[in-house]
Amino acid sequence: GGPRFLARVRVIKHHPNAVRLPGGGIGVDIFFAISGFLIIGLLGEEYIKKGSINFLKFYGRRIIRLLPALWTMLAITVFFIKPDLYTLISILFYFSNWLLASGHKIGFYGHTWSLSVEEQFYIVLPVILWVILKTSKVFGAKFKLVITIGLGILCSASVIGRVYLIWVGELDYAYNITGARAGGFLLGGMAAIYAQEIQNCLRKFGLGILGAISLFFIFKYALTHHIYSETVDVIVIPFLCVFLVLWASTQNDKHFLNKKILVYPGTISYGIYLWHYPLIGLLPEIQPKFIFIVIFILSMAVASFSWHFIEKPFSRKFKPLFTV
């Protein structure tokens, strides 16, 4: 809950105040790490328990969770923002990140690039895991060893590819395309596989120190300089985000990132993210020092309505069909 909410706040504060918060996009890295941690952890657990991965149920759960809120946001805002046909299609079919990378401007739907990256990752990931896990059976190797090698190779390839794109000046591709951003997901996934071992190795105190240091540098990156154009940033930031996620996930309810005051905003954070950028485009011009507060309050209100009256009822009705 807490890290998810923190990730969304970083991004919301960045979009209308890019000059004041040049590195606010680090919130996306936090969310990618959370997604990799949760999804790979759950799929790995399913495989251990059942010996297989149910693709239909996995994709069904993702559709139920993501589409109702997205379609509602588009149905309401499209009449005011009036995107071109390419933009609308790219959002509906989750490839707006490639549209942005090619130089096409999508205005106040620009934030959907990360949703596209995430959805493309969800489509490919179960297949990759299935291949890796079948390989472990063929060679009689340990599950964790094979998945670590497989995900490690893919993660390294993602980081190397992204560094190369930065070196040759293709910053839009380095920032937006799925392969270049997969490192955070995969690193988060490996952390999930070894979460218990990491916790036992570092103990509560050691993990707390690493988590606090990560949180400090995440805020520092957000406040001080534009990220993603330096090789060191590309390598270091995913590790900071993963340590933050590990810190929150292995603590009890007393941990400040798991307090109820942060858990509910974290629960509705998907809606908050969906609505915040279109709202900036819909509202009249507001002084920079006030816009974050206004957008944050409005996004919270709309996201809360979406959660209780659209997302939750839809999930309650259809999720049992895809429960493992």
Protein backbone atom coordinates (compact mmCIF):
# COMPACT_ATOMS: atom_id res chain seq x y z
CA GLY A 1 0.00 0.00 0.00
CA GLY A 2 2.50 2.61 1.15
CA PRO A 3 5.14 2.20 -1.59
CA ARG A 4 2.41 2.12 -4.25
CA PHE A 5 0.95 5.36 -2.93
CA LEU A 6 4.41 6.93 -2.68
CA ALA A 7 5.08 6.00 -6.31
CA ARG A 8 1.89 7.67 -7.50
CA VAL A 9 2.54 10.84 -5.47
CA ARG A 10 6.02 11.19 -7.01
CA VAL A 11 4.53 11.06 -10.51
CA ILE A 12 1.54 13.31 -9.78
CA LYS A 13 3.80 15.94 -8.27
CA HIS A 14 6.18 15.69 -11.23
CA HIS A 15 3.73 16.18 -14.11
CA PRO A 16 2.52 19.71 -13.29
CA ASN A 17 5.82 20.70 -11.64
CA ALA A 18 8.54 19.14 -13.78
CA VAL A 19 10.89 22.05 -13.06
CA ARG A 20 10.44 21.82 -9.30
CA LEU A 21 10.49 18.01 -9.22
CA PRO A 22 12.63 17.00 -12.22
CA GLY A 23 13.09 13.39 -11.14
CA GLY A 24 9.52 12.70 -10.05
CA GLY A 25 9.24 10.03 -12.72
CA ILE A 26 11.12 7.75 -10.33
CA GLY A 27 7.65 6.90 -9.03
CA VAL A 28 7.18 4.79 -12.17
CA ASP A 29 10.30 2.79 -11.29
CA ILE A 30 8.90 2.13 -7.83
CA PHE A 31 5.66 0.87 -9.32
CA PHE A 32 7.48 -1.35 -11.85
CA ALA A 33 9.45 -2.89 -8.98
CA ILE A 34 6.22 -3.46 -7.02
CA SER A 35 4.53 -5.07 -10.04
CA GLY A 36 7.45 -7.40 -10.70
CA PHE A 37 7.67 -8.30 -7.02
CA LEU A 38 3.97 -9.14 -6.75
CA ILE A 39 3.34 -10.79 -10.12
CA ILE A 40 6.46 -12.96 -10.32
CA GLY A 41 6.06 -13.83 -6.65
CA LEU A 42 2.44 -14.95 -7.17
CA LEU A 43 3.19 -16.88 -10.37
CA GLY A 44 6.16 -18.57 -8.73
CA GLU A 45 4.02 -19.54 -5.75
CA GLU A 46 1.31 -20.89 -8.07
CA TYR A 47 3.87 -23.01 -9.91
CA ILE A 48 5.31 -24.41 -6.67
CA LYS A 49 1.84 -25.36 -5.39
CA LYS A 50 0.25 -26.63 -8.62
CA GLY A 51 3.18 -27.46 -10.88
CA SER A 52 1.87 -25.17 -13.63
CA ILE A 53 0.74 -21.63 -14.45
CA ASN A 54 -2.87 -21.04 -15.50
CA PHE A 55 -2.50 -18.47 -18.28
CA LEU A 56 -6.23 -17.93 -18.81
CA LYS A 57 -6.87 -17.13 -15.16
CA PHE A 58 -3.84 -14.85 -14.92
CA TYR A 59 -4.84 -12.80 -17.97
CA GLY A 60 -8.46 -12.76 -16.81
CA ARG A 61 -7.48 -11.26 -13.45
CA ARG A 62 -5.41 -8.58 -15.17
CA ILE A 63 -8.30 -7.65 -17.49
CA ILE A 64 -10.76 -7.42 -14.61
CA ARG A 65 -8.38 -5.26 -12.60
CA LEU A 66 -7.23 -2.85 -15.30
CA LEU A 67 -9.79 -2.36 -18.05
CA PRO A 68 -12.95 -1.09 -16.27
CA ALA A 69 -11.23 1.94 -14.73
CA LEU A 70 -9.27 2.73 -17.91
CA TRP A 71 -12.33 2.54 -20.14
CA THR A 72 -14.33 4.71 -17.74
CA MET A 73 -11.61 7.38 -17.68
CA LEU A 74 -11.39 7.39 -21.48
CA ALA A 75 -15.18 7.43 -21.96
CA ILE A 76 -15.46 10.59 -19.85
CA THR A 77 -12.33 12.53 -20.82
CA VAL A 78 -12.19 11.80 -24.55
CA PHE A 79 -14.88 14.40 -25.26
CA PHE A 80 -12.81 17.14 -23.62
CA ILE A 81 -9.23 16.19 -24.47
CA LYS A 82 -10.13 14.96 -27.98
CA PRO A 83 -7.16 12.73 -28.80
CA ASP A 84 -6.41 11.72 -32.37
CA LEU A 85 -7.34 8.22 -33.51
CA TYR A 86 -3.78 6.86 -33.24
CA THR A 87 -3.54 7.97 -29.62
CA LEU A 88 -6.89 6.49 -28.68
CA ILE A 89 -6.15 3.15 -30.32
CA SER A 90 -2.69 3.01 -28.73
CA ILE A 91 -4.19 3.50 -25.27
CA LEU A 92 -6.96 0.94 -25.78
CA PHE A 93 -4.54 -1.68 -27.08
CA TYR A 94 -1.65 -0.79 -24.76
CA PHE A 95 1.08 0.39 -27.09
CA SER A 96 1.12 4.14 -26.36
CA ASN A 97 4.70 3.79 -25.06
CA TRP A 98 5.84 2.89 -28.59
CA LEU A 99 3.86 5.80 -30.01
CA LEU A 100 5.65 8.16 -27.63
CA ALA A 101 9.03 6.61 -28.42
CA SER A 102 8.43 7.25 -32.12
CA GLY A 103 7.90 10.96 -31.39
CA HIS A 104 4.10 11.07 -31.56
CA LYS A 105 2.67 13.46 -28.97
CA ILE A 106 -0.31 12.17 -26.98
CA GLY A 107 -0.87 15.16 -24.71
CA PHE A 108 -2.67 14.62 -21.43
CA TYR A 109 -2.78 10.88 -22.03
CA GLY A 110 1.01 10.78 -21.91
CA HIS A 111 1.00 8.93 -18.60
CA THR A 112 -0.54 5.86 -20.25
CA TRP A 113 2.89 4.87 -21.57
CA SER A 114 3.68 3.17 -18.25
CA LEU A 115 0.36 1.28 -18.34
CA SER A 116 1.32 0.00 -21.79
CA VAL A 117 4.75 -1.13 -20.58
CA GLU A 118 3.13 -2.85 -17.62
CA GLU A 119 0.48 -4.63 -19.71
CA GLN A 120 3.02 -5.77 -22.32
CA PHE A 121 5.11 -7.13 -19.48
CA TYR A 122 2.08 -8.99 -18.10
CA ILE A 123 1.40 -10.54 -21.50
CA VAL A 124 4.94 -11.82 -22.01
CA LEU A 125 5.98 -12.64 -18.43
CA PRO A 126 3.92 -15.82 -17.80
CA VAL A 127 5.21 -17.29 -21.06
CA ILE A 128 8.82 -16.48 -20.10
CA LEU A 129 8.34 -18.01 -16.66
CA TRP A 130 6.71 -21.08 -18.16
CA VAL A 131 9.70 -21.63 -20.47
CA ILE A 132 12.16 -21.11 -17.61
CA LEU A 133 10.30 -23.47 -15.30
CA LYS A 134 9.92 -26.17 -17.96
CA THR A 135 13.67 -25.87 -18.53
CA SER A 136 14.28 -26.52 -14.84
CA LYS A 137 12.23 -29.73 -15.11
CA VAL A 138 14.05 -30.94 -18.22
CA PHE A 139 17.48 -30.50 -16.62
CA GLY A 140 16.34 -31.52 -13.17
CA ALA A 141 17.65 -28.25 -11.74
CA LYS A 142 16.36 -26.43 -8.71
CA PHE A 143 13.48 -24.06 -9.38
CA LYS A 144 15.09 -21.03 -7.75
CA LEU A 145 18.44 -21.53 -9.45
CA VAL A 146 16.97 -21.74 -12.96
CA ILE A 147 14.56 -18.83 -12.47
CA THR A 148 17.39 -16.70 -11.05
CA ILE A 149 19.63 -17.44 -14.03
CA GLY A 150 16.81 -16.86 -16.52
CA LEU A 151 15.52 -13.64 -15.01
CA GLY A 152 19.08 -12.46 -14.33
CA ILE A 153 20.04 -12.83 -18.00
CA LEU A 154 16.91 -10.99 -19.14
CA CYS A 155 17.41 -8.24 -16.55
CA SER A 156 21.03 -7.74 -17.59
CA ALA A 157 20.04 -7.61 -21.26
CA SER A 158 17.40 -4.97 -20.46
CA VAL A 159 19.85 -2.76 -18.57
CA ILE A 160 22.57 -3.14 -21.21
CA GLY A 161 20.08 -2.32 -23.96
CA ARG A 162 18.88 0.76 -22.12
CA VAL A 163 22.41 1.98 -21.48
CA TYR A 164 23.21 1.52 -25.17
CA LEU A 165 20.15 3.57 -26.20
CA ILE A 166 21.25 6.34 -23.84
CA TRP A 167 24.79 6.31 -25.23
CA VAL A 168 23.55 6.65 -28.82
CA GLY A 169 21.18 9.46 -27.82
CA GLU A 170 17.87 7.58 -28.23
CA LEU A 171 16.48 8.84 -24.93
CA ASP A 172 12.81 8.51 -25.91
CA TYR A 173 13.32 4.83 -26.69
CA ALA A 174 15.41 4.31 -23.55
CA TYR A 175 12.65 5.80 -21.44
CA ASN A 176 9.54 4.33 -23.10
CA ILE A 177 10.08 0.96 -24.74
CA THR A 178 9.25 -2.18 -22.83
CA GLY A 179 12.54 -4.01 -23.22
CA ALA A 180 14.51 -1.08 -21.86
CA ARG A 181 12.23 -0.78 -18.82
CA ALA A 182 11.93 -4.51 -18.04
CA GLY A 183 14.91 -4.44 -15.67
CA GLY A 184 12.89 -3.00 -12.78
CA PHE A 185 10.15 -5.63 -13.15
CA LEU A 186 12.61 -8.51 -13.36
CA LEU A 187 14.74 -7.29 -10.46
CA GLY A 188 11.59 -6.94 -8.36
CA GLY A 189 10.63 -10.49 -9.37
CA MET A 190 13.97 -11.93 -8.31
CA ALA A 191 13.63 -10.10 -5.00
CA ALA A 192 10.24 -11.78 -4.52
CA ILE A 193 11.69 -15.23 -5.16
CA TYR A 194 14.38 -14.63 -2.53
CA ALA A 195 12.41 -12.36 -0.18
CA GLN A 196 12.61 -14.77 2.76
CA GLU A 197 16.31 -15.42 2.29
CA ILE A 198 17.06 -11.70 1.99
CA GLN A 199 15.08 -10.99 5.14
CA ASN A 200 16.87 -13.73 7.06
CA CYS A 201 20.27 -12.59 5.81
CA LEU A 202 19.89 -8.90 6.52
CA ARG A 203 17.60 -9.29 9.49
CA LYS A 204 15.11 -6.61 10.38
CA PHE A 205 17.71 -4.00 11.31
CA GLY A 206 19.86 -4.37 8.19
CA LEU A 207 16.92 -4.33 5.82
CA GLY A 208 15.56 -1.27 7.64
CA ILE A 209 18.83 0.59 7.08
CA LEU A 210 18.88 -0.29 3.37
CA GLY A 211 15.22 0.65 3.02
CA ALA A 212 15.70 3.99 4.75
CA ILE A 213 18.78 4.77 2.63
CA SER A 214 16.82 3.85 -0.51
CA LEU A 215 13.94 6.09 0.52
CA PHE A 216 16.34 8.97 1.13
CA PHE A 217 17.98 8.66 -2.29
CA ILE A 218 14.63 8.23 -4.03
CA PHE A 219 13.52 11.58 -2.61
CA LYS A 220 16.90 13.05 -3.49
CA TYR A 221 16.61 11.90 -7.11
CA ALA A 222 13.06 13.26 -7.32
CA LEU A 223 14.10 16.68 -6.03
CA THR A 224 17.52 17.32 -7.50
CA HIS A 225 17.92 16.35 -11.13
CA HIS A 226 16.37 14.82 -14.20
CA ILE A 227 16.99 11.10 -14.25
CA TYR A 228 17.16 8.41 -16.95
CA SER A 229 19.81 10.12 -19.06
CA GLU A 230 22.78 8.90 -17.02
CA THR A 231 24.11 5.33 -17.01
CA VAL A 232 24.62 5.27 -13.24
CA ASP A 233 21.00 6.30 -12.64
CA VAL A 234 19.69 3.51 -14.87
CA ILE A 235 21.68 0.92 -12.90
CA VAL A 236 21.21 2.27 -9.37
CA ILE A 237 17.54 3.36 -9.35
CA PRO A 238 15.97 -0.11 -9.80
CA PHE A 239 17.97 -1.40 -6.84
CA LEU A 240 16.81 1.50 -4.67
CA CYS A 241 13.19 0.80 -5.60
CA VAL A 242 13.51 -2.93 -4.93
CA PHE A 243 15.07 -2.38 -1.51
CA LEU A 244 12.21 -0.01 -0.68
CA VAL A 245 9.64 -2.65 -1.71
CA LEU A 246 11.44 -5.35 0.28
CA TRP A 247 11.59 -3.10 3.31
CA ALA A 248 7.84 -2.51 3.22
CA SER A 249 6.85 -6.08 2.31
CA THR A 250 8.75 -7.80 5.10
CA GLN A 251 7.58 -5.54 7.90
CA ASN A 252 4.47 -5.72 10.06
CA ASP A 253 1.60 -3.25 10.30
CA LYS A 254 3.65 -1.01 12.61
CA HIS A 255 5.89 -0.03 9.71
CA PHE A 256 5.06 3.50 8.61
CA LEU A 257 4.74 2.44 4.96
CA ASN A 258 2.05 -0.06 5.98
CA LYS A 259 -0.07 2.32 8.05
CA LYS A 260 -3.77 2.38 7.22
CA ILE A 261 -3.54 6.05 6.29
CA LEU A 262 -1.32 4.99 3.35
CA VAL A 263 -2.91 1.61 2.61
CA TYR A 264 -6.23 2.99 1.32
CA PRO A 265 -4.62 5.57 -1.03
CA GLY A 266 -2.36 2.72 -2.15
CA THR A 267 -5.41 0.58 -2.88
CA ILE A 268 -6.96 3.23 -5.13
CA SER A 269 -3.61 4.37 -6.55
CA TYR A 270 -4.35 2.93 -9.99
CA GLY A 271 -7.36 5.26 -10.30
CA ILE A 272 -5.37 8.17 -8.92
CA TYR A 273 -2.74 7.62 -11.59
CA LEU A 274 -5.31 7.18 -14.38
CA TRP A 275 -7.11 10.43 -13.62
CA HIS A 276 -4.43 12.85 -12.50
CA TYR A 277 -2.99 13.82 -15.91
CA PRO A 278 -6.31 14.21 -17.78
CA LEU A 279 -7.52 16.35 -14.87
CA ILE A 280 -4.55 18.67 -15.38
CA GLY A 281 -5.71 19.10 -18.97
CA LEU A 282 -9.36 19.59 -18.04
CA LEU A 283 -8.88 22.19 -15.32
CA PRO A 284 -8.27 25.88 -15.97
CA GLU A 285 -4.73 27.10 -15.44
CA ILE A 286 -3.77 27.06 -11.76
CA GLN A 287 -0.74 28.60 -10.08
CA PRO A 288 2.08 26.03 -9.84
CA LYS A 289 2.23 26.20 -6.03
CA PHE A 290 -1.42 25.13 -5.78
CA ILE A 291 -1.85 22.72 -8.67
CA PHE A 292 -0.44 19.63 -6.93
CA ILE A 293 -2.85 19.99 -4.01
CA VAL A 294 -5.84 20.57 -6.29
CA ILE A 295 -4.99 17.69 -8.63
CA PHE A 296 -4.19 15.36 -5.74
CA ILE A 297 -7.50 16.02 -3.96
CA LEU A 298 -9.55 15.72 -7.16
CA SER A 299 -7.70 12.56 -8.24
CA MET A 300 -8.28 11.00 -4.82
CA ALA A 301 -12.00 11.82 -4.98
CA VAL A 302 -12.52 10.49 -8.51
CA ALA A 303 -10.35 7.41 -7.87
CA SER A 304 -12.30 6.65 -4.70
CA PHE A 305 -15.58 6.82 -6.62
CA SER A 306 -14.10 4.61 -9.37
CA TRP A 307 -12.88 2.05 -6.84
CA HIS A 308 -16.13 1.71 -4.88
CA PHE A 309 -18.63 1.97 -7.73
CA ILE A 310 -16.79 0.60 -10.79
CA GLU A 311 -13.64 -1.38 -10.06
CA LYS A 312 -14.67 -3.18 -6.86
CA PRO A 313 -18.18 -4.24 -8.03
CA PHE A 314 -16.76 -5.43 -11.35
CA SER A 315 -14.02 -7.38 -9.59
CA ARG A 316 -16.46 -8.86 -7.06
CA LYS A 317 -18.65 -10.17 -9.87
CA PHE A 318 -16.05 -11.58 -12.25
CA LYS A 319 -12.89 -12.30 -10.23
CA PRO A 320 -14.20 -15.64 -8.84
CA LEU A 321 -14.17 -16.94 -12.43
CA PHE A 322 -10.40 -16.49 -12.58
CA THR A 323 -9.36 -17.37 -9.04
CA VAL A 324 -6.55 -19.92 -8.92
